[in-house]
Amino acid sequence: MSSGVPPTTTKRNRMDFDGKSSSFETNRSQAAVLEKINQSINKLNQSIDSIGTKDYSCWDIIKEIPNLDKQAQYKALKLVNTKAKKIEFFKMTPQEHFD
């Protein structure tokens, strides 16, 4: 009673055939690369955020220099470029404008 139908064969797993899975190793290395990229992006975001939170101005920094009188402070600010001077002038108090 031979029906003539060949027996069905099942596909073998690639790990069984090769003895190892190169796709598994590739996925693991890709995951490591993606993790490093993610860490780098997070560090970059933190750096950008920290820049935004600092509220220092040239004028504030010049005022903190020890042993520098008002005249020298204004001369130092005068050496800063024009756009920065305008911004710093608007940040000064009215009393500082007239000193």
C-alpha atoms as a PDB file:
ATOM      1  CA  MET A   1       0.000   0.000   0.000  1.00  0.00           C
ATOM      2  CA  SER A   2       2.287   2.599  -1.134  1.00  0.00           C
ATOM      3  CA  SER A   3       0.417   5.799  -1.918  1.00  0.00           C
ATOM      4  CA  GLY A   4       3.294   7.487  -3.698  1.00  0.00           C
ATOM      5  CA  VAL A   5       3.201  10.638  -1.533  1.00  0.00           C
ATOM      6  CA  PRO A   6       6.660  11.587  -0.354  1.00  0.00           C
ATOM      7  CA  PRO A   7       7.090  12.166   3.364  1.00  0.00           C
ATOM      8  CA  THR A   8       6.962  15.818   4.408  1.00  0.00           C
ATOM      9  CA  THR A   9      10.174  17.456   5.409  1.00  0.00           C
ATOM     10  CA  THR A  10      10.437  20.280   7.860  1.00  0.00           C
ATOM     11  CA  LYS A  11      12.900  23.092   7.530  1.00  0.00           C
ATOM     12  CA  ARG A  12      15.809  22.921   9.860  1.00  0.00           C
ATOM     13  CA  ASN A  13      16.630  25.802  12.112  1.00  0.00           C
ATOM     14  CA  ARG A  14      19.635  27.799  10.912  1.00  0.00           C
ATOM     15  CA  MET A  15      21.361  27.228  14.261  1.00  0.00           C
ATOM     16  CA  ASP A  16      21.051  23.491  13.779  1.00  0.00           C
ATOM     17  CA  PHE A  17      22.514  23.746  10.302  1.00  0.00           C
ATOM     18  CA  ASP A  18      25.443  26.118  10.923  1.00  0.00           C
ATOM     19  CA  GLY A  19      26.100  25.294  14.518  1.00  0.00           C
ATOM     20  CA  LYS A  20      25.838  28.980  15.375  1.00  0.00           C
ATOM     21  CA  SER A  21      23.617  31.896  14.591  1.00  0.00           C
ATOM     22  CA  SER A  22      25.333  34.797  12.914  1.00  0.00           C
ATOM     23  CA  SER A  23      22.085  36.748  12.943  1.00  0.00           C
ATOM     24  CA  PHE A  24      21.990  36.536  16.741  1.00  0.00           C
ATOM     25  CA  GLU A  25      25.513  37.961  16.963  1.00  0.00           C
ATOM     26  CA  THR A  26      24.604  40.709  14.498  1.00  0.00           C
ATOM     27  CA  ASN A  27      21.531  41.650  16.521  1.00  0.00           C
ATOM     28  CA  ARG A  28      23.602  41.803  19.689  1.00  0.00           C
ATOM     29  CA  SER A  29      26.221  44.079  18.105  1.00  0.00           C
ATOM     30  CA  GLN A  30      23.514  46.263  16.573  1.00  0.00           C
ATOM     31  CA  ALA A  31      21.900  46.586  19.990  1.00  0.00           C
ATOM     32  CA  ALA A  32      25.230  47.651  21.485  1.00  0.00           C
ATOM     33  CA  VAL A  33      25.722  50.277  18.771  1.00  0.00           C
ATOM     34  CA  LEU A  34      22.183  51.577  19.226  1.00  0.00           C
ATOM     35  CA  GLU A  35      22.746  51.796  22.979  1.00  0.00           C
ATOM     36  CA  LYS A  36      25.923  53.852  22.470  1.00  0.00           C
ATOM     37  CA  ILE A  37      24.112  56.160  20.044  1.00  0.00           C
ATOM     38  CA  ASN A  38      21.294  56.577  22.551  1.00  0.00           C
ATOM     39  CA  GLN A  39      23.761  57.444  25.327  1.00  0.00           C
ATOM     40  CA  SER A  40      25.506  59.985  23.106  1.00  0.00           C
ATOM     41  CA  ILE A  41      22.216  61.641  22.195  1.00  0.00           C
ATOM     42  CA  ASN A  42      21.219  61.811  25.859  1.00  0.00           C
ATOM     43  CA  LYS A  43      24.550  63.441  26.783  1.00  0.00           C
ATOM     44  CA  LEU A  44      24.128  65.949  23.974  1.00  0.00           C
ATOM     45  CA  ASN A  45      20.601  66.797  25.136  1.00  0.00           C
ATOM     46  CA  GLN A  46      21.839  67.312  28.699  1.00  0.00           C
ATOM     47  CA  SER A  47      24.601  69.607  27.468  1.00  0.00           C
ATOM     48  CA  ILE A  48      22.166  71.676  25.427  1.00  0.00           C
ATOM     49  CA  ASP A  49      19.739  71.890  28.346  1.00  0.00           C
ATOM     50  CA  SER A  50      22.482  73.005  30.737  1.00  0.00           C
ATOM     51  CA  ILE A  51      23.484  75.796  28.363  1.00  0.00           C
ATOM     52  CA  GLY A  52      19.924  77.094  28.403  1.00  0.00           C
ATOM     53  CA  THR A  53      19.732  77.167  32.195  1.00  0.00           C
ATOM     54  CA  LYS A  54      22.883  79.234  32.715  1.00  0.00           C
ATOM     55  CA  ASP A  55      21.978  82.884  32.919  1.00  0.00           C
ATOM     56  CA  TYR A  56      25.423  84.438  32.955  1.00  0.00           C
ATOM     57  CA  SER A  57      26.142  87.574  31.025  1.00  0.00           C
ATOM     58  CA  CYS A  58      29.399  89.261  30.123  1.00  0.00           C
ATOM     59  CA  TRP A  59      28.536  92.162  32.404  1.00  0.00           C
ATOM     60  CA  ASP A  60      27.930  89.852  35.379  1.00  0.00           C
ATOM     61  CA  ILE A  61      31.241  88.123  34.810  1.00  0.00           C
ATOM     62  CA  ILE A  62      33.128  91.409  34.402  1.00  0.00           C
ATOM     63  CA  LYS A  63      31.609  92.699  37.664  1.00  0.00           C
ATOM     64  CA  GLU A  64      32.846  89.597  39.520  1.00  0.00           C
ATOM     65  CA  ILE A  65      36.499  90.169  38.581  1.00  0.00           C
ATOM     66  CA  PRO A  66      38.314  91.154  41.788  1.00  0.00           C
ATOM     67  CA  ASN A  67      40.275  94.427  42.033  1.00  0.00           C
ATOM     68  CA  LEU A  68      38.584  95.907  38.974  1.00  0.00           C
ATOM     69  CA  ASP A  69      37.082  99.365  39.470  1.00  0.00           C
ATOM     70  CA  LYS A  70      33.980 100.638  37.650  1.00  0.00           C
ATOM     71  CA  GLN A  71      35.990 102.453  35.002  1.00  0.00           C
ATOM     72  CA  ALA A  72      37.967  99.303  34.172  1.00  0.00           C
ATOM     73  CA  GLN A  73      34.748  97.263  34.096  1.00  0.00           C
ATOM     74  CA  TYR A  74      33.237  99.607  31.507  1.00  0.00           C
ATOM     75  CA  LYS A  75      36.434  99.537  29.453  1.00  0.00           C
ATOM     76  CA  ALA A  76      36.363  95.740  29.472  1.00  0.00           C
ATOM     77  CA  LEU A  77      32.744  95.743  28.335  1.00  0.00           C
ATOM     78  CA  LYS A  78      33.615  98.245  25.623  1.00  0.00           C
ATOM     79  CA  LEU A  79      36.074  95.732  24.171  1.00  0.00           C
ATOM     80  CA  VAL A  80      33.276  93.213  23.677  1.00  0.00           C
ATOM     81  CA  ASN A  81      31.719  93.159  20.193  1.00  0.00           C
ATOM     82  CA  THR A  82      28.853  95.502  19.307  1.00  0.00           C
ATOM     83  CA  LYS A  83      25.915  93.076  19.407  1.00  0.00           C
ATOM     84  CA  ALA A  84      26.988  91.723  22.772  1.00  0.00           C
ATOM     85  CA  LYS A  85      27.404  95.275  24.104  1.00  0.00           C
ATOM     86  CA  LYS A  86      23.840  96.137  23.179  1.00  0.00           C
ATOM     87  CA  ILE A  87      22.519  93.037  24.898  1.00  0.00           C
ATOM     88  CA  GLU A  88      24.588  93.705  28.014  1.00  0.00           C
ATOM     89  CA  PHE A  89      23.575  97.363  28.115  1.00  0.00           C
ATOM     90  CA  PHE A  90      19.924  96.358  28.269  1.00  0.00           C
ATOM     91  CA  LYS A  91      20.691  93.964  31.127  1.00  0.00           C
ATOM     92  CA  MET A  92      22.369  96.689  33.205  1.00  0.00           C
ATOM     93  CA  THR A  93      20.423  98.471  35.884  1.00  0.00           C
ATOM     94  CA  PRO A  94      19.719 102.184  35.338  1.00  0.00           C
ATOM     95  CA  GLN A  95      22.196 103.022  38.100  1.00  0.00           C
ATOM     96  CA  GLU A  96      24.902 101.051  36.297  1.00  0.00           C
ATOM     97  CA  HIS A  97      24.172 103.025  33.108  1.00  0.00           C
ATOM     98  CA  PHE A  98      25.057 106.305  34.803  1.00  0.00           C
ATOM     99  CA  ASP A  99      28.050 105.158  36.895  1.00  0.00           C
END
